[in-house]
Amino acid sequence: MMPNGILLAQDHFTGVSKMIACLSLQRISSALRKRVGESGIMFGAGKTRELLTDERAAMEAYKREFIEFMVQSDVLKFGDFTLKSGRKSPFFMNAGAYVTGEQLHRLGLYYAQAINDNFGLDFDVVFGPAYKGIPLAVVTAMALQELYGKEVKYCCNRKEVKDHGADAGNLLGAELHDGDKVIMVEDVTTSGKSIDETYPILKAAADVDVRGLIVSLNRMEVGKGGVTTAQKEIEAKYGFPVASIVSMAEVKECLHNHEVAGRIVIDDDIAAAIDAYYEQWGAKE
């Protein structure tokens, strides 16, 4: 049960799990702590466990909602795919399939909440690597203002340098300055290649402080080093944290023999293909 006085963004979604998608769990925790402090009530072990269970349930509902949202938006697919890395994968995520206003609005809300839950709100710029990171940065900046009243700028790189006009150069959006605190947004990180390409561009533009990278899906497979995930490789190489809204393990658990929009998304055959893929490419950690 949510504490009294917390306003849920019911206008955007219907149902309890969808309302949770618009509300930061970090804010739930803060509200609970505030109410305890105001009332002077000390909870016993049983009540504390109950509150923690409620919060974990809220998190699980939020993740299920996002996973089903990816499937319904035709963003997360299952079959036979060849990745940019050359690997043959039984699943594929394409954030370019978010095409409607409703989809993009909801996507921004998910990213804004995930950023707040993982990194807080002490930053100035949302940066999205071209091309798919461009709309991600824009909708996330809008959602941060909508959910938290947090005003941030967006910035993205160009694949091709613009050599004319007032905005010439290899960046678009906000101009970067020394000391700017930046959150990077991507759809998924398989090998870390896009970060290897864009991080030097960021640092060349200004001495920015990258506070973190958030992605939709942790694929949980080995990066270039062949041992740990690309996310952990990025953390080790660049020194900033990387977080995801959901992991592939959570996707499989949520969707295996579970209907979404009237169809089974991951049947036993697809589940077996996913397991075989991770036997070959799963992170050894």
C-alpha atoms as a PDB file:
ATOM      1  CA  MET A   1       0.000   0.000   0.000  1.00  0.00           C
ATOM      2  CA  MET A   2       1.305   3.457  -0.891  1.00  0.00           C
ATOM      3  CA  PRO A   3       1.654   6.060   1.887  1.00  0.00           C
ATOM      4  CA  ASN A   4      -1.074   8.703   2.038  1.00  0.00           C
ATOM      5  CA  GLY A   5      -0.211  11.974   0.346  1.00  0.00           C
ATOM      6  CA  ILE A   6       1.814  10.497  -2.528  1.00  0.00           C
ATOM      7  CA  LEU A   7       0.308  11.568  -5.836  1.00  0.00           C
ATOM      8  CA  LEU A   8       0.539   8.915  -8.529  1.00  0.00           C
ATOM      9  CA  ALA A   9       0.541   9.915 -12.177  1.00  0.00           C
ATOM     10  CA  GLN A  10      -2.725   8.179 -12.963  1.00  0.00           C
ATOM     11  CA  ASP A  11      -3.415  10.274 -16.041  1.00  0.00           C
ATOM     12  CA  HIS A  12      -0.823   8.365 -18.051  1.00  0.00           C
ATOM     13  CA  PHE A  13      -1.598   4.769 -17.146  1.00  0.00           C
ATOM     14  CA  THR A  14      -4.324   2.534 -15.755  1.00  0.00           C
ATOM     15  CA  GLY A  15      -3.895  -0.174 -13.145  1.00  0.00           C
ATOM     16  CA  VAL A  16      -1.627  -0.347 -10.132  1.00  0.00           C
ATOM     17  CA  SER A  17       1.463  -1.616 -11.981  1.00  0.00           C
ATOM     18  CA  LYS A  18       1.170   1.142 -14.571  1.00  0.00           C
ATOM     19  CA  MET A  19       0.878   3.825 -11.922  1.00  0.00           C
ATOM     20  CA  ILE A  20       4.051   2.455 -10.359  1.00  0.00           C
ATOM     21  CA  ALA A  21       5.819   2.993 -13.670  1.00  0.00           C
ATOM     22  CA  CYS A  22       5.407   6.743 -13.235  1.00  0.00           C
ATOM     23  CA  LEU A  23       6.599   6.879  -9.625  1.00  0.00           C
ATOM     24  CA  SER A  24      10.189   6.596  -8.448  1.00  0.00           C
ATOM     25  CA  LEU A  25      10.708   3.860  -5.881  1.00  0.00           C
ATOM     26  CA  GLN A  26      13.347   6.065  -4.364  1.00  0.00           C
ATOM     27  CA  ARG A  27      10.604   8.604  -3.672  1.00  0.00           C
ATOM     28  CA  ILE A  28       8.472   5.868  -2.080  1.00  0.00           C
ATOM     29  CA  SER A  29      11.326   5.051   0.294  1.00  0.00           C
ATOM     30  CA  SER A  30      11.864   8.718   1.090  1.00  0.00           C
ATOM     31  CA  ALA A  31       8.178   9.209   1.744  1.00  0.00           C
ATOM     32  CA  LEU A  32       8.102   6.208   4.070  1.00  0.00           C
ATOM     33  CA  ARG A  33      11.126   7.465   5.994  1.00  0.00           C
ATOM     34  CA  LYS A  34       9.608  10.935   6.220  1.00  0.00           C
ATOM     35  CA  ARG A  35       6.321   9.602   7.592  1.00  0.00           C
ATOM     36  CA  VAL A  36       8.150   7.540  10.191  1.00  0.00           C
ATOM     37  CA  GLY A  37      10.135  10.579  11.230  1.00  0.00           C
ATOM     38  CA  GLU A  38       7.089  12.834  11.461  1.00  0.00           C
ATOM     39  CA  SER A  39       5.059  10.375  13.484  1.00  0.00           C
ATOM     40  CA  GLY A  40       7.866   9.140  15.700  1.00  0.00           C
ATOM     41  CA  ILE A  41       6.709   5.566  15.097  1.00  0.00           C
ATOM     42  CA  MET A  42       9.373   2.854  15.279  1.00  0.00           C
ATOM     43  CA  PHE A  43       8.471  -0.209  13.252  1.00  0.00           C
ATOM     44  CA  GLY A  44       9.244  -3.678  14.535  1.00  0.00           C
ATOM     45  CA  ALA A  45      11.002  -6.315  12.480  1.00  0.00           C
ATOM     46  CA  GLY A  46       7.726  -7.653  11.085  1.00  0.00           C
ATOM     47  CA  LYS A  47       6.523  -4.266   9.871  1.00  0.00           C
ATOM     48  CA  THR A  48       9.929  -3.440   8.419  1.00  0.00           C
ATOM     49  CA  ARG A  49       9.893  -6.681   6.441  1.00  0.00           C
ATOM     50  CA  GLU A  50       6.384  -5.843   5.241  1.00  0.00           C
ATOM     51  CA  LEU A  51       7.494  -2.428   3.964  1.00  0.00           C
ATOM     52  CA  LEU A  52      10.539  -3.918   2.249  1.00  0.00           C
ATOM     53  CA  THR A  53       8.362  -6.595   0.670  1.00  0.00           C
ATOM     54  CA  ASP A  54       5.961  -3.926  -0.617  1.00  0.00           C
ATOM     55  CA  GLU A  55       8.834  -1.991  -2.150  1.00  0.00           C
ATOM     56  CA  ARG A  56      10.321  -5.087  -3.791  1.00  0.00           C
ATOM     57  CA  ALA A  57       6.871  -5.948  -5.168  1.00  0.00           C
ATOM     58  CA  ALA A  58       6.590  -2.431  -6.576  1.00  0.00           C
ATOM     59  CA  MET A  59       9.958  -2.824  -8.273  1.00  0.00           C
ATOM     60  CA  GLU A  60       8.977  -6.181  -9.756  1.00  0.00           C
ATOM     61  CA  ALA A  61       5.695  -4.727 -11.054  1.00  0.00           C
ATOM     62  CA  TYR A  62       7.601  -1.831 -12.615  1.00  0.00           C
ATOM     63  CA  LYS A  63      10.001  -4.200 -14.384  1.00  0.00           C
ATOM     64  CA  ARG A  64       7.207  -6.461 -15.639  1.00  0.00           C
ATOM     65  CA  GLU A  65       5.432  -3.398 -16.973  1.00  0.00           C
ATOM     66  CA  PHE A  66       8.518  -2.259 -18.873  1.00  0.00           C
ATOM     67  CA  ILE A  67       9.221  -5.727 -20.293  1.00  0.00           C
ATOM     68  CA  GLU A  68       5.659  -6.060 -21.593  1.00  0.00           C
ATOM     69  CA  PHE A  69       5.880  -2.498 -22.933  1.00  0.00           C
ATOM     70  CA  MET A  70       8.950  -3.464 -25.002  1.00  0.00           C
ATOM     71  CA  VAL A  71       7.141  -6.503 -26.422  1.00  0.00           C
ATOM     72  CA  GLN A  72       3.915  -4.628 -27.171  1.00  0.00           C
ATOM     73  CA  SER A  73       5.905  -1.862 -28.901  1.00  0.00           C
ATOM     74  CA  ASP A  74       7.610  -4.479 -31.117  1.00  0.00           C
ATOM     75  CA  VAL A  75      10.958  -3.365 -29.701  1.00  0.00           C
ATOM     76  CA  LEU A  76      11.993  -6.679 -28.127  1.00  0.00           C
ATOM     77  CA  LYS A  77      11.750  -9.601 -30.554  1.00  0.00           C
ATOM     78  CA  PHE A  78      12.601 -13.287 -30.459  1.00  0.00           C
ATOM     79  CA  GLY A  79      13.804 -15.418 -33.365  1.00  0.00           C
ATOM     80  CA  ASP A  80      17.112 -15.586 -35.286  1.00  0.00           C
ATOM     81  CA  PHE A  81      19.120 -12.365 -35.505  1.00  0.00           C
ATOM     82  CA  THR A  82      22.666 -11.351 -36.401  1.00  0.00           C
ATOM     83  CA  LEU A  83      24.037  -8.622 -34.132  1.00  0.00           C
ATOM     84  CA  LYS A  84      26.462  -5.852 -35.029  1.00  0.00           C
ATOM     85  CA  SER A  85      29.076  -7.906 -33.176  1.00  0.00           C
ATOM     86  CA  GLY A  86      28.463 -10.804 -35.594  1.00  0.00           C
ATOM     87  CA  ARG A  87      26.925 -13.020 -32.927  1.00  0.00           C
ATOM     88  CA  LYS A  88      23.814 -15.027 -33.770  1.00  0.00           C
ATOM     89  CA  SER A  89      21.203 -14.179 -31.148  1.00  0.00           C
ATOM     90  CA  PRO A  90      17.717 -15.566 -30.386  1.00  0.00           C
ATOM     91  CA  PHE A  91      16.549 -12.118 -29.279  1.00  0.00           C
ATOM     92  CA  PHE A  92      16.962  -8.579 -30.514  1.00  0.00           C
ATOM     93  CA  MET A  93      16.114  -5.153 -29.148  1.00  0.00           C
ATOM     94  CA  ASN A  94      15.523  -2.178 -31.440  1.00  0.00           C
ATOM     95  CA  ALA A  95      14.660   1.101 -29.716  1.00  0.00           C
ATOM     96  CA  GLY A  96      14.010   2.589 -33.151  1.00  0.00           C
ATOM     97  CA  ALA A  97      10.652   0.795 -33.094  1.00  0.00           C
ATOM     98  CA  TYR A  98       9.285   3.275 -30.538  1.00  0.00           C
ATOM     99  CA  VAL A  99       7.495   5.477 -33.054  1.00  0.00           C
ATOM    100  CA  THR A 100       4.277   6.859 -31.551  1.00  0.00           C
ATOM    101  CA  GLY A 101       3.874   9.784 -29.207  1.00  0.00           C
ATOM    102  CA  GLU A 102       2.464   7.537 -26.472  1.00  0.00           C
ATOM    103  CA  GLN A 103       5.330   5.063 -26.771  1.00  0.00           C
ATOM    104  CA  LEU A 104       7.987   7.763 -26.664  1.00  0.00           C
ATOM    105  CA  HIS A 105       6.298   9.490 -23.738  1.00  0.00           C
ATOM    106  CA  ARG A 106       6.198   6.275 -21.723  1.00  0.00           C
ATOM    107  CA  LEU A 107       9.775   5.436 -22.676  1.00  0.00           C
ATOM    108  CA  GLY A 108      10.969   8.779 -21.360  1.00  0.00           C
ATOM    109  CA  LEU A 109       9.157   8.193 -18.065  1.00  0.00           C
ATOM    110  CA  TYR A 110      10.830   4.797 -17.624  1.00  0.00           C
ATOM    111  CA  TYR A 111      14.266   6.234 -18.312  1.00  0.00           C
ATOM    112  CA  ALA A 112      13.736   9.219 -16.032  1.00  0.00           C
ATOM    113  CA  GLN A 113      12.667   6.961 -13.182  1.00  0.00           C
ATOM    114  CA  ALA A 114      15.577   4.572 -13.739  1.00  0.00           C
ATOM    115  CA  ILE A 115      18.055   7.463 -13.748  1.00  0.00           C
ATOM    116  CA  ASN A 116      16.647   8.842 -10.518  1.00  0.00           C
ATOM    117  CA  ASP A 117      16.618   5.430  -8.847  1.00  0.00           C
ATOM    118  CA  ASN A 118      20.186   4.582  -9.878  1.00  0.00           C
ATOM    119  CA  PHE A 119      22.035   7.903 -10.049  1.00  0.00           C
ATOM    120  CA  GLY A 120      19.867  10.564  -8.437  1.00  0.00           C
ATOM    121  CA  LEU A 121      19.199  13.962  -9.996  1.00  0.00           C
ATOM    122  CA  ASP A 122      22.504  15.783  -9.521  1.00  0.00           C
ATOM    123  CA  PHE A 123      23.372  16.306 -13.194  1.00  0.00           C
ATOM    124  CA  ASP A 124      22.982  18.913 -15.922  1.00  0.00           C
ATOM    125  CA  VAL A 125      22.902  17.135 -19.295  1.00  0.00           C
ATOM    126  CA  VAL A 126      21.393  13.974 -20.804  1.00  0.00           C
ATOM    127  CA  PHE A 127      23.605  12.727 -23.636  1.00  0.00           C
ATOM    128  CA  GLY A 128      22.456  10.209 -26.256  1.00  0.00           C
ATOM    129  CA  PRO A 129      24.866   8.629 -28.764  1.00  0.00           C
ATOM    130  CA  ALA A 130      23.681   8.865 -32.384  1.00  0.00           C
ATOM    131  CA  TYR A 131      21.443   7.681 -33.744  1.00  0.00           C
ATOM    132  CA  LYS A 132      19.053   5.869 -31.425  1.00  0.00           C
ATOM    133  CA  GLY A 133      20.298   7.794 -28.414  1.00  0.00           C
ATOM    134  CA  ILE A 134      19.049  11.076 -29.862  1.00  0.00           C
ATOM    135  CA  PRO A 135      15.304  10.558 -29.249  1.00  0.00           C
ATOM    136  CA  LEU A 136      16.178   8.804 -25.965  1.00  0.00           C
ATOM    137  CA  ALA A 137      17.961  11.913 -24.717  1.00  0.00           C
ATOM    138  CA  VAL A 138      15.112  14.198 -25.779  1.00  0.00           C
ATOM    139  CA  VAL A 139      12.239  12.195 -24.242  1.00  0.00           C
ATOM    140  CA  THR A 140      14.248  11.559 -21.065  1.00  0.00           C
ATOM    141  CA  ALA A 141      14.935  15.258 -20.586  1.00  0.00           C
ATOM    142  CA  MET A 142      11.220  15.980 -21.014  1.00  0.00           C
ATOM    143  CA  ALA A 143      10.236  13.221 -18.576  1.00  0.00           C
ATOM    144  CA  LEU A 144      12.698  14.403 -15.917  1.00  0.00           C
ATOM    145  CA  GLN A 145      10.994  17.786 -15.980  1.00  0.00           C
ATOM    146  CA  GLU A 146       7.533  16.195 -15.904  1.00  0.00           C
ATOM    147  CA  LEU A 147       8.181  13.719 -13.086  1.00  0.00           C
ATOM    148  CA  TYR A 148      10.617  15.602 -10.878  1.00  0.00           C
ATOM    149  CA  GLY A 149      10.600  19.228 -12.027  1.00  0.00           C
ATOM    150  CA  LYS A 150      14.253  18.676 -12.980  1.00  0.00           C
ATOM    151  CA  GLU A 151      15.394  20.963 -15.790  1.00  0.00           C
ATOM    152  CA  VAL A 152      18.235  19.437 -17.796  1.00  0.00           C
ATOM    153  CA  LYS A 153      19.651  19.957 -21.278  1.00  0.00           C
ATOM    154  CA  TYR A 154      20.015  17.326 -23.944  1.00  0.00           C
ATOM    155  CA  CYS A 155      23.049  16.758 -26.164  1.00  0.00           C
ATOM    156  CA  CYS A 156      23.902  14.214 -28.859  1.00  0.00           C
ATOM    157  CA  ASN A 157      26.717  13.572 -31.287  1.00  0.00           C
ATOM    158  CA  ARG A 158      26.520  13.637 -35.048  1.00  0.00           C
ATOM    159  CA  LYS A 159      27.809  10.765 -37.135  1.00  0.00           C
ATOM    160  CA  GLU A 160      28.821  13.296 -39.768  1.00  0.00           C
ATOM    161  CA  VAL A 161      30.434  16.588 -38.717  1.00  0.00           C
ATOM    162  CA  LYS A 162      28.441  19.649 -39.764  1.00  0.00           C
ATOM    163  CA  ASP A 163      30.717  22.236 -41.377  1.00  0.00           C
ATOM    164  CA  HIS A 164      28.363  25.222 -41.706  1.00  0.00           C
ATOM    165  CA  GLY A 165      25.900  27.317 -39.721  1.00  0.00           C
ATOM    166  CA  ALA A 166      25.812  28.485 -36.121  1.00  0.00           C
ATOM    167  CA  ASP A 167      25.694  24.882 -34.871  1.00  0.00           C
ATOM    168  CA  ALA A 168      28.626  23.537 -36.879  1.00  0.00           C
ATOM    169  CA  GLY A 169      30.569  20.689 -35.344  1.00  0.00           C
ATOM    170  CA  ASN A 170      29.994  17.105 -34.265  1.00  0.00           C
ATOM    171  CA  LEU A 171      27.434  17.789 -31.495  1.00  0.00           C
ATOM    172  CA  LEU A 172      23.823  18.931 -31.535  1.00  0.00           C
ATOM    173  CA  GLY A 173      21.660  20.246 -28.728  1.00  0.00           C
ATOM    174  CA  ALA A 174      23.203  21.892 -25.695  1.00  0.00           C
ATOM    175  CA  GLU A 175      26.747  23.230 -25.778  1.00  0.00           C
ATOM    176  CA  LEU A 176      28.918  21.395 -23.283  1.00  0.00           C
ATOM    177  CA  HIS A 177      31.031  23.205 -20.682  1.00  0.00           C
ATOM    178  CA  ASP A 178      33.801  22.170 -18.315  1.00  0.00           C
ATOM    179  CA  GLY A 179      32.306  20.714 -15.159  1.00  0.00           C
ATOM    180  CA  ASP A 180      28.954  19.758 -16.683  1.00  0.00           C
ATOM    181  CA  LYS A 181      27.566  16.629 -15.041  1.00  0.00           C
ATOM    182  CA  VAL A 182      26.326  14.214 -17.704  1.00  0.00           C
ATOM    183  CA  ILE A 183      24.117  11.126 -17.756  1.00  0.00           C
ATOM    184  CA  MET A 184      24.407   9.010 -20.901  1.00  0.00           C
ATOM    185  CA  VAL A 185      21.421   7.065 -22.276  1.00  0.00           C
ATOM    186  CA  GLU A 186      21.459   4.117 -24.676  1.00  0.00           C
ATOM    187  CA  ASP A 187      19.026   1.393 -25.699  1.00  0.00           C
ATOM    188  CA  VAL A 188      21.391  -1.529 -25.114  1.00  0.00           C
ATOM    189  CA  THR A 189      25.128  -2.127 -24.806  1.00  0.00           C
ATOM    190  CA  THR A 190      26.408  -5.342 -26.366  1.00  0.00           C
ATOM    191  CA  SER A 191      30.099  -4.637 -26.938  1.00  0.00           C
ATOM    192  CA  GLY A 192      30.554  -1.069 -25.663  1.00  0.00           C
ATOM    193  CA  LYS A 193      31.535   0.124 -29.146  1.00  0.00           C
ATOM    194  CA  SER A 194      29.242   3.167 -29.196  1.00  0.00           C
ATOM    195  CA  ILE A 195      30.589   4.374 -25.837  1.00  0.00           C
ATOM    196  CA  ASP A 196      34.153   3.888 -27.074  1.00  0.00           C
ATOM    197  CA  GLU A 197      33.224   6.114 -30.017  1.00  0.00           C
ATOM    198  CA  THR A 198      31.278   8.820 -28.183  1.00  0.00           C
ATOM    199  CA  TYR A 199      33.090   9.166 -24.837  1.00  0.00           C
ATOM    200  CA  PRO A 200      36.175  10.736 -26.496  1.00  0.00           C
ATOM    201  CA  ILE A 201      33.875  13.143 -28.353  1.00  0.00           C
ATOM    202  CA  LEU A 202      32.314  14.207 -25.055  1.00  0.00           C
ATOM    203  CA  LYS A 203      35.665  14.746 -23.364  1.00  0.00           C
ATOM    204  CA  ALA A 204      37.041  16.601 -26.395  1.00  0.00           C
ATOM    205  CA  ALA A 205      34.105  19.024 -26.325  1.00  0.00           C
ATOM    206  CA  ALA A 206      34.557  19.879 -22.621  1.00  0.00           C
ATOM    207  CA  ASP A 207      35.930  18.455 -19.398  1.00  0.00           C
ATOM    208  CA  VAL A 208      32.564  16.962 -18.426  1.00  0.00           C
ATOM    209  CA  ASP A 209      31.863  14.659 -15.489  1.00  0.00           C
ATOM    210  CA  VAL A 210      29.982  11.568 -16.701  1.00  0.00           C
ATOM    211  CA  ARG A 211      27.862  10.438 -13.758  1.00  0.00           C
ATOM    212  CA  GLY A 212      26.502   7.249 -15.303  1.00  0.00           C
ATOM    213  CA  LEU A 213      25.077   5.351 -18.257  1.00  0.00           C
ATOM    214  CA  ILE A 214      21.560   3.904 -18.266  1.00  0.00           C
ATOM    215  CA  VAL A 215      20.363   1.325 -20.809  1.00  0.00           C
ATOM    216  CA  SER A 216      17.035  -0.423 -21.316  1.00  0.00           C
ATOM    217  CA  LEU A 217      18.349  -3.965 -21.312  1.00  0.00           C
ATOM    218  CA  ASN A 218      21.379  -5.664 -19.804  1.00  0.00           C
ATOM    219  CA  ARG A 219      22.066  -8.451 -22.314  1.00  0.00           C
ATOM    220  CA  MET A 220      24.284 -10.175 -19.700  1.00  0.00           C
ATOM    221  CA  GLU A 221      26.754 -11.430 -22.292  1.00  0.00           C
ATOM    222  CA  VAL A 222      30.506 -11.078 -22.509  1.00  0.00           C
ATOM    223  CA  GLY A 223      32.020  -7.905 -23.864  1.00  0.00           C
ATOM    224  CA  LYS A 224      35.203  -7.545 -25.872  1.00  0.00           C
ATOM    225  CA  GLY A 225      37.330  -9.102 -23.130  1.00  0.00           C
ATOM    226  CA  GLY A 226      35.376 -12.347 -23.229  1.00  0.00           C
ATOM    227  CA  VAL A 227      34.901 -12.646 -19.468  1.00  0.00           C
ATOM    228  CA  THR A 228      32.594 -10.026 -17.978  1.00  0.00           C
ATOM    229  CA  THR A 229      29.682  -8.022 -19.419  1.00  0.00           C
ATOM    230  CA  ALA A 230      30.134  -5.008 -21.660  1.00  0.00           C
ATOM    231  CA  GLN A 231      28.512  -2.941 -18.913  1.00  0.00           C
ATOM    232  CA  LYS A 232      31.156  -3.946 -16.392  1.00  0.00           C
ATOM    233  CA  GLU A 233      33.900  -3.419 -18.975  1.00  0.00           C
ATOM    234  CA  ILE A 234      32.672   0.133 -19.489  1.00  0.00           C
ATOM    235  CA  GLU A 235      32.646   0.747 -15.735  1.00  0.00           C
ATOM    236  CA  ALA A 236      36.211  -0.544 -15.408  1.00  0.00           C
ATOM    237  CA  LYS A 237      37.507   1.387 -18.432  1.00  0.00           C
ATOM    238  CA  TYR A 238      35.855   4.768 -17.894  1.00  0.00           C
ATOM    239  CA  GLY A 239      35.153   4.845 -14.172  1.00  0.00           C
ATOM    240  CA  PHE A 240      31.443   5.658 -14.216  1.00  0.00           C
ATOM    241  CA  PRO A 241      28.566   3.336 -13.207  1.00  0.00           C
ATOM    242  CA  VAL A 242      26.343   1.574 -15.737  1.00  0.00           C
ATOM    243  CA  ALA A 243      22.785   0.484 -14.900  1.00  0.00           C
ATOM    244  CA  SER A 244      19.888  -1.072 -16.794  1.00  0.00           C
ATOM    245  CA  ILE A 245      16.128  -0.909 -16.395  1.00  0.00           C
ATOM    246  CA  VAL A 246      15.872  -4.701 -16.729  1.00  0.00           C
ATOM    247  CA  SER A 247      18.192  -7.636 -17.373  1.00  0.00           C
ATOM    248  CA  MET A 248      17.740 -10.463 -19.864  1.00  0.00           C
ATOM    249  CA  ALA A 249      17.359 -12.891 -16.963  1.00  0.00           C
ATOM    250  CA  GLU A 250      14.375 -10.844 -15.751  1.00  0.00           C
ATOM    251  CA  VAL A 251      12.952 -10.767 -19.287  1.00  0.00           C
ATOM    252  CA  LYS A 252      13.142 -14.564 -19.606  1.00  0.00           C
ATOM    253  CA  GLU A 253      11.632 -15.104 -16.170  1.00  0.00           C
ATOM    254  CA  CYS A 254       8.785 -12.683 -16.896  1.00  0.00           C
ATOM    255  CA  LEU A 255       7.918 -13.887 -20.396  1.00  0.00           C
ATOM    256  CA  HIS A 256       8.553 -17.652 -20.352  1.00  0.00           C
ATOM    257  CA  ASN A 257       5.191 -19.284 -21.087  1.00  0.00           C
ATOM    258  CA  HIS A 258       3.490 -15.992 -20.255  1.00  0.00           C
ATOM    259  CA  GLU A 259       0.990 -14.340 -22.585  1.00  0.00           C
ATOM    260  CA  VAL A 260       1.385 -10.747 -23.691  1.00  0.00           C
ATOM    261  CA  ALA A 261      -1.422  -9.375 -25.863  1.00  0.00           C
ATOM    262  CA  GLY A 262      -2.840 -12.881 -26.251  1.00  0.00           C
ATOM    263  CA  ARG A 263       0.308 -14.742 -27.314  1.00  0.00           C
ATOM    264  CA  ILE A 264       3.128 -16.645 -25.649  1.00  0.00           C
ATOM    265  CA  VAL A 265       6.269 -14.606 -26.228  1.00  0.00           C
ATOM    266  CA  ILE A 266       8.913 -17.053 -24.966  1.00  0.00           C
ATOM    267  CA  ASP A 267       7.865 -20.679 -25.360  1.00  0.00           C
ATOM    268  CA  ASP A 268       9.989 -23.661 -24.331  1.00  0.00           C
ATOM    269  CA  ASP A 269      11.869 -23.723 -27.646  1.00  0.00           C
ATOM    270  CA  ILE A 270      12.832 -20.054 -27.456  1.00  0.00           C
ATOM    271  CA  ALA A 271      13.754 -20.437 -23.787  1.00  0.00           C
ATOM    272  CA  ALA A 272      16.075 -23.303 -24.740  1.00  0.00           C
ATOM    273  CA  ALA A 273      17.643 -21.172 -27.503  1.00  0.00           C
ATOM    274  CA  ILE A 274      18.260 -18.366 -25.006  1.00  0.00           C
ATOM    275  CA  ASP A 275      19.883 -20.815 -22.586  1.00  0.00           C
ATOM    276  CA  ALA A 276      22.103 -22.161 -25.383  1.00  0.00           C
ATOM    277  CA  TYR A 277      23.093 -18.630 -26.364  1.00  0.00           C
ATOM    278  CA  TYR A 278      24.228 -17.898 -22.829  1.00  0.00           C
ATOM    279  CA  GLU A 279      26.140 -21.139 -22.671  1.00  0.00           C
ATOM    280  CA  GLN A 280      28.273 -19.673 -25.449  1.00  0.00           C
ATOM    281  CA  TRP A 281      28.162 -15.939 -24.795  1.00  0.00           C
ATOM    282  CA  GLY A 282      27.050 -15.529 -21.198  1.00  0.00           C
ATOM    283  CA  ALA A 283      29.319 -13.512 -18.894  1.00  0.00           C
ATOM    284  CA  LYS A 284      31.585 -15.672 -16.726  1.00  0.00           C
ATOM    285  CA  GLU A 285      30.952 -13.808 -13.475  1.00  0.00           C
END
